[in-house]
N, C-alpha and C. Protein backbone atom coordinates (compact mmCIF):
# COMPACT_ATOMS: atom_id res chain seq x y z
N MET A 1 284.51 -33.84 260.01
CA MET A 1 283.72 -33.83 259.11
C MET A 1 283.72 -34.62 257.30
N ARG A 2 282.92 -34.90 257.37
CA ARG A 2 283.64 -35.43 255.90
C ARG A 2 282.35 -34.90 254.57
N LEU A 3 283.20 -34.76 253.62
CA LEU A 3 282.89 -34.14 252.21
C LEU A 3 281.94 -34.77 251.97
N LEU A 4 280.49 -34.85 251.55
CA LEU A 4 279.76 -35.03 250.91
C LEU A 4 279.65 -34.87 249.50
N ASP A 5 280.22 -34.07 249.22
CA ASP A 5 280.23 -34.25 247.34
C ASP A 5 281.38 -32.95 246.78
N LEU A 6 281.44 -33.59 245.42
CA LEU A 6 282.16 -32.68 244.92
C LEU A 6 282.52 -31.52 244.56
N ALA A 7 281.03 -30.75 245.18
CA ALA A 7 281.19 -29.63 245.12
C ALA A 7 281.80 -29.06 246.64
N ASP A 8 281.57 -29.55 247.46
CA ASP A 8 281.72 -29.32 248.73
C ASP A 8 283.63 -29.04 248.90
N ALA A 9 284.07 -30.66 248.16
CA ALA A 9 285.31 -30.30 248.01
C ALA A 9 286.14 -29.30 247.36
N GLU A 10 285.44 -28.88 245.87
CA GLU A 10 285.79 -27.63 245.01
C GLU A 10 285.99 -27.06 246.31
N ALA A 11 285.40 -26.04 246.31
CA ALA A 11 284.78 -25.05 247.56
C ALA A 11 285.59 -25.08 248.65
N LEU A 12 286.21 -26.30 249.26
CA LEU A 12 287.21 -25.88 249.84
C LEU A 12 288.49 -25.93 249.52
N ARG A 13 288.83 -26.41 248.05
CA ARG A 13 290.19 -26.13 247.80
C ARG A 13 289.99 -24.93 247.22
N GLU A 14 289.45 -24.56 246.58
CA GLU A 14 289.36 -22.92 246.41
C GLU A 14 289.54 -21.76 247.44
N ARG A 15 289.33 -22.01 248.67
CA ARG A 15 289.58 -21.48 250.24
C ARG A 15 290.68 -21.72 250.75
N PHE A 16 291.27 -23.35 250.42
CA PHE A 16 292.42 -23.48 251.09
C PHE A 16 293.44 -24.01 250.61
N GLN A 17 294.68 -23.90 250.19
CA GLN A 17 295.86 -24.42 249.13
C GLN A 17 296.89 -24.50 250.00
N PRO A 18 297.03 -25.28 250.68
CA PRO A 18 298.17 -25.25 251.63
C PRO A 18 299.46 -25.42 250.59
N GLU A 19 300.71 -24.85 251.00
CA GLU A 19 301.41 -25.03 249.76
C GLU A 19 303.09 -25.29 250.46
N VAL A 20 303.38 -25.97 249.82
CA VAL A 20 305.28 -26.88 250.28
C VAL A 20 306.69 -26.10 249.43
N ASP A 21 307.06 -25.30 249.66
CA ASP A 21 307.99 -24.77 248.94
C ASP A 21 307.38 -24.38 247.12
N GLY A 22 306.14 -23.87 247.66
CA GLY A 22 305.56 -22.88 246.56
C GLY A 22 304.48 -23.40 245.49
N VAL A 23 304.77 -24.78 245.40
CA VAL A 23 303.82 -26.00 245.35
C VAL A 23 302.67 -26.27 245.64
N PRO A 24 301.57 -26.06 245.95
CA PRO A 24 300.10 -26.58 245.75
C PRO A 24 300.13 -28.56 246.34
N VAL A 25 299.81 -28.67 247.54
CA VAL A 25 299.50 -29.39 248.08
C VAL A 25 297.76 -30.33 248.62
N TYR A 26 297.52 -31.55 247.38
CA TYR A 26 296.27 -31.06 247.84
C TYR A 26 295.96 -32.51 247.74
N HIS A 27 295.04 -33.55 248.65
CA HIS A 27 294.64 -34.34 249.51
C HIS A 27 292.98 -34.75 248.73
N PHE A 28 292.94 -36.22 248.62
CA PHE A 28 292.42 -36.60 247.50
C PHE A 28 291.78 -38.21 248.65
N ARG A 29 290.70 -38.17 248.24
CA ARG A 29 290.34 -39.80 249.41
C ARG A 29 290.71 -40.92 248.57
N THR A 30 290.10 -41.02 247.20
CA THR A 30 290.31 -41.63 246.25
C THR A 30 291.26 -41.46 244.76
N LEU A 31 291.84 -42.82 244.23
CA LEU A 31 292.56 -42.28 242.98
C LEU A 31 291.70 -41.78 242.01
N GLU A 32 290.09 -41.96 242.21
CA GLU A 32 289.27 -41.34 240.89
C GLU A 32 289.25 -39.98 241.04
N GLU A 33 288.55 -39.47 242.28
CA GLU A 33 289.31 -37.86 243.04
C GLU A 33 290.27 -37.16 242.08
N ALA A 34 291.15 -38.26 242.24
CA ALA A 34 292.57 -37.45 241.93
C ALA A 34 293.17 -36.96 240.43
N GLY A 35 292.49 -38.28 240.02
CA GLY A 35 292.34 -38.25 238.26
C GLY A 35 291.67 -37.40 238.03
N ARG A 36 290.48 -36.81 238.21
CA ARG A 36 289.46 -35.84 238.13
C ARG A 36 290.12 -34.42 238.15
N ALA A 37 290.98 -34.26 238.65
CA ALA A 37 291.48 -32.93 239.24
C ALA A 37 292.87 -32.92 238.34
N LEU A 38 293.18 -34.03 237.84
CA LEU A 38 293.92 -33.32 236.51
C LEU A 38 294.14 -32.86 235.34
N TRP A 39 292.92 -33.20 235.34
CA TRP A 39 292.00 -32.84 234.04
C TRP A 39 291.73 -31.24 233.95
N LEU A 40 291.99 -30.46 232.35
CA LEU A 40 291.40 -29.33 232.19
C LEU A 40 290.70 -29.05 231.13
N ILE A 41 289.67 -28.64 230.99
CA ILE A 41 288.39 -28.33 230.36
C ILE A 41 288.99 -27.14 229.32
N PRO A 42 288.67 -27.34 227.96
CA PRO A 42 288.90 -26.26 226.68
C PRO A 42 288.49 -25.16 227.42
N GLY A 43 289.52 -23.83 227.27
CA GLY A 43 288.80 -22.59 227.59
C GLY A 43 289.52 -22.59 229.26
N ASP A 44 289.87 -22.71 230.06
CA ASP A 44 290.02 -22.55 231.34
C ASP A 44 291.46 -22.19 231.00
N PRO A 45 291.34 -21.04 232.47
CA PRO A 45 292.45 -19.65 231.85
C PRO A 45 293.61 -20.66 232.71
N LYS A 46 293.66 -21.52 233.00
CA LYS A 46 294.80 -22.35 233.62
C LYS A 46 295.54 -23.40 232.91
N LEU A 47 295.08 -23.42 231.49
CA LEU A 47 295.22 -24.31 230.88
C LEU A 47 296.67 -23.45 230.05
N GLU A 48 296.36 -22.71 229.41
CA GLU A 48 297.84 -21.67 229.12
C GLU A 48 298.79 -21.98 229.61
N ARG A 49 298.75 -21.53 230.85
CA ARG A 49 299.70 -21.58 232.12
C ARG A 49 300.70 -23.04 231.86
N VAL A 50 299.63 -24.21 231.88
CA VAL A 50 299.93 -25.14 231.92
C VAL A 50 301.09 -25.33 231.33
N LEU A 51 300.10 -25.13 229.50
CA LEU A 51 300.98 -25.78 228.59
C LEU A 51 302.65 -24.64 228.60
N ARG A 52 302.63 -23.39 228.84
CA ARG A 52 303.39 -22.84 229.02
C ARG A 52 304.31 -23.50 229.76
N ARG A 53 304.47 -24.36 230.91
CA ARG A 53 305.54 -24.62 231.74
C ARG A 53 305.63 -26.07 231.48
N LEU A 54 304.95 -26.84 230.85
CA LEU A 54 305.36 -27.88 229.57
C LEU A 54 306.00 -27.59 228.65
N TRP A 55 305.91 -26.79 228.11
CA TRP A 55 307.08 -26.42 226.82
C TRP A 55 307.93 -26.22 227.36
N SER A 56 308.06 -25.37 228.62
CA SER A 56 309.48 -24.94 229.26
C SER A 56 310.01 -25.73 229.52
N LEU A 57 309.49 -26.75 230.31
CA LEU A 57 310.30 -28.02 230.68
C LEU A 57 310.67 -28.86 229.44
N ALA A 58 310.04 -28.78 229.08
CA ALA A 58 310.19 -29.83 227.68
C ALA A 58 311.49 -29.10 226.93
N ALA A 59 311.45 -27.82 226.54
CA ALA A 59 313.21 -27.49 226.33
C ALA A 59 314.09 -27.77 226.96
N GLU A 60 314.09 -27.58 228.65
CA GLU A 60 314.89 -27.80 229.62
C GLU A 60 315.74 -28.94 229.65
N MET A 61 314.77 -29.73 229.30
CA MET A 61 315.05 -30.96 229.57
C MET A 61 315.88 -31.67 227.68
N ALA A 62 315.81 -31.27 227.13
CA ALA A 62 315.94 -31.76 225.78
C ALA A 62 317.11 -30.44 225.39
N GLY A 63 318.04 -29.37 226.18
CA GLY A 63 318.94 -28.74 226.23
C GLY A 63 319.19 -28.09 224.59
N PRO A 64 320.27 -27.60 224.61
CA PRO A 64 320.67 -27.41 223.48
C PRO A 64 321.14 -27.98 222.02
N SER A 65 320.30 -27.88 220.95
CA SER A 65 320.44 -28.47 219.88
C SER A 65 321.99 -28.69 219.48
N ALA A 66 322.79 -30.05 219.38
CA ALA A 66 324.05 -30.21 219.07
C ALA A 66 324.10 -29.62 217.37
N ALA A 67 322.97 -29.43 217.04
CA ALA A 67 323.06 -29.12 214.94
C ALA A 67 322.41 -27.38 215.21
N PRO A 68 323.61 -27.11 214.08
CA PRO A 68 323.59 -26.02 214.10
C PRO A 68 322.17 -25.74 212.86
N ARG A 69 321.49 -24.39 212.97
CA ARG A 69 320.21 -24.55 212.53
C ARG A 69 320.14 -23.82 211.01
N GLY A 70 319.21 -24.06 210.32
CA GLY A 70 319.52 -23.95 209.10
C GLY A 70 319.35 -24.83 207.78
N VAL A 71 319.85 -24.66 206.32
CA VAL A 71 320.09 -25.42 205.55
C VAL A 71 321.71 -25.40 205.16
N ARG A 72 322.76 -26.82 205.10
CA ARG A 72 324.22 -26.32 204.36
C ARG A 72 323.54 -27.08 203.05
N LYS A 73 324.58 -26.09 202.51
CA LYS A 73 324.76 -27.13 201.30
C LYS A 73 326.24 -26.74 200.74
N TYR A 74 326.27 -28.15 200.00
CA TYR A 74 327.56 -28.67 199.61
C TYR A 74 328.23 -28.72 198.44
N ARG A 75 329.32 -28.84 197.99
CA ARG A 75 329.44 -28.94 196.40
C ARG A 75 329.89 -30.76 196.30
N ASN A 76 330.01 -31.52 196.98
CA ASN A 76 330.14 -33.03 196.79
C ASN A 76 329.68 -33.64 197.97
N ILE A 77 329.34 -34.74 198.30
CA ILE A 77 329.21 -35.38 199.12
C ILE A 77 330.22 -35.90 199.94
N GLU A 78 331.84 -35.21 199.53
CA GLU A 78 332.94 -35.34 200.41
C GLU A 78 332.77 -34.28 201.38
N GLU A 79 332.46 -33.38 200.70
CA GLU A 79 332.38 -32.00 202.21
C GLU A 79 331.09 -32.23 202.78
N ALA A 80 329.98 -32.84 202.31
CA ALA A 80 329.12 -33.08 203.51
C ALA A 80 329.74 -34.32 204.57
N ASN A 81 330.40 -35.03 203.88
CA ASN A 81 330.77 -35.84 205.39
C ASN A 81 331.90 -35.77 206.35
N ALA A 82 332.90 -34.75 205.45
CA ALA A 82 333.40 -33.88 206.20
C ALA A 82 333.29 -33.02 207.40
N ASP A 83 331.78 -31.98 206.99
CA ASP A 83 331.12 -31.22 208.06
C ASP A 83 330.80 -32.49 208.99
N ARG A 84 330.15 -33.11 208.42
CA ARG A 84 329.46 -34.27 209.23
C ARG A 84 330.30 -35.04 210.76
N GLN A 85 331.57 -35.05 210.42
CA GLN A 85 332.54 -35.29 210.81
C GLN A 85 333.05 -34.67 212.27
N ARG A 86 332.78 -33.05 211.66
CA ARG A 86 333.01 -32.36 212.68
C ARG A 86 332.24 -32.08 213.87
């Protein structure tokens, strides 16, 4: 059976989404179809979840910051340089 249009494809995708290790698997006939599937329109309920996952991944990849948070004041340049060397 061949899908006739995108509406049929969307209806089929909503009914049947196979998963591999908890990740949905999608099948597309063309790269154009695959590219359209990546875009989320403003106001889409999935958008918030996708952005949270993206920021979580970015924070995980960046790791903890090497520099302590906050502003430090020094009496002179020598103290600042000594702190930077630590």
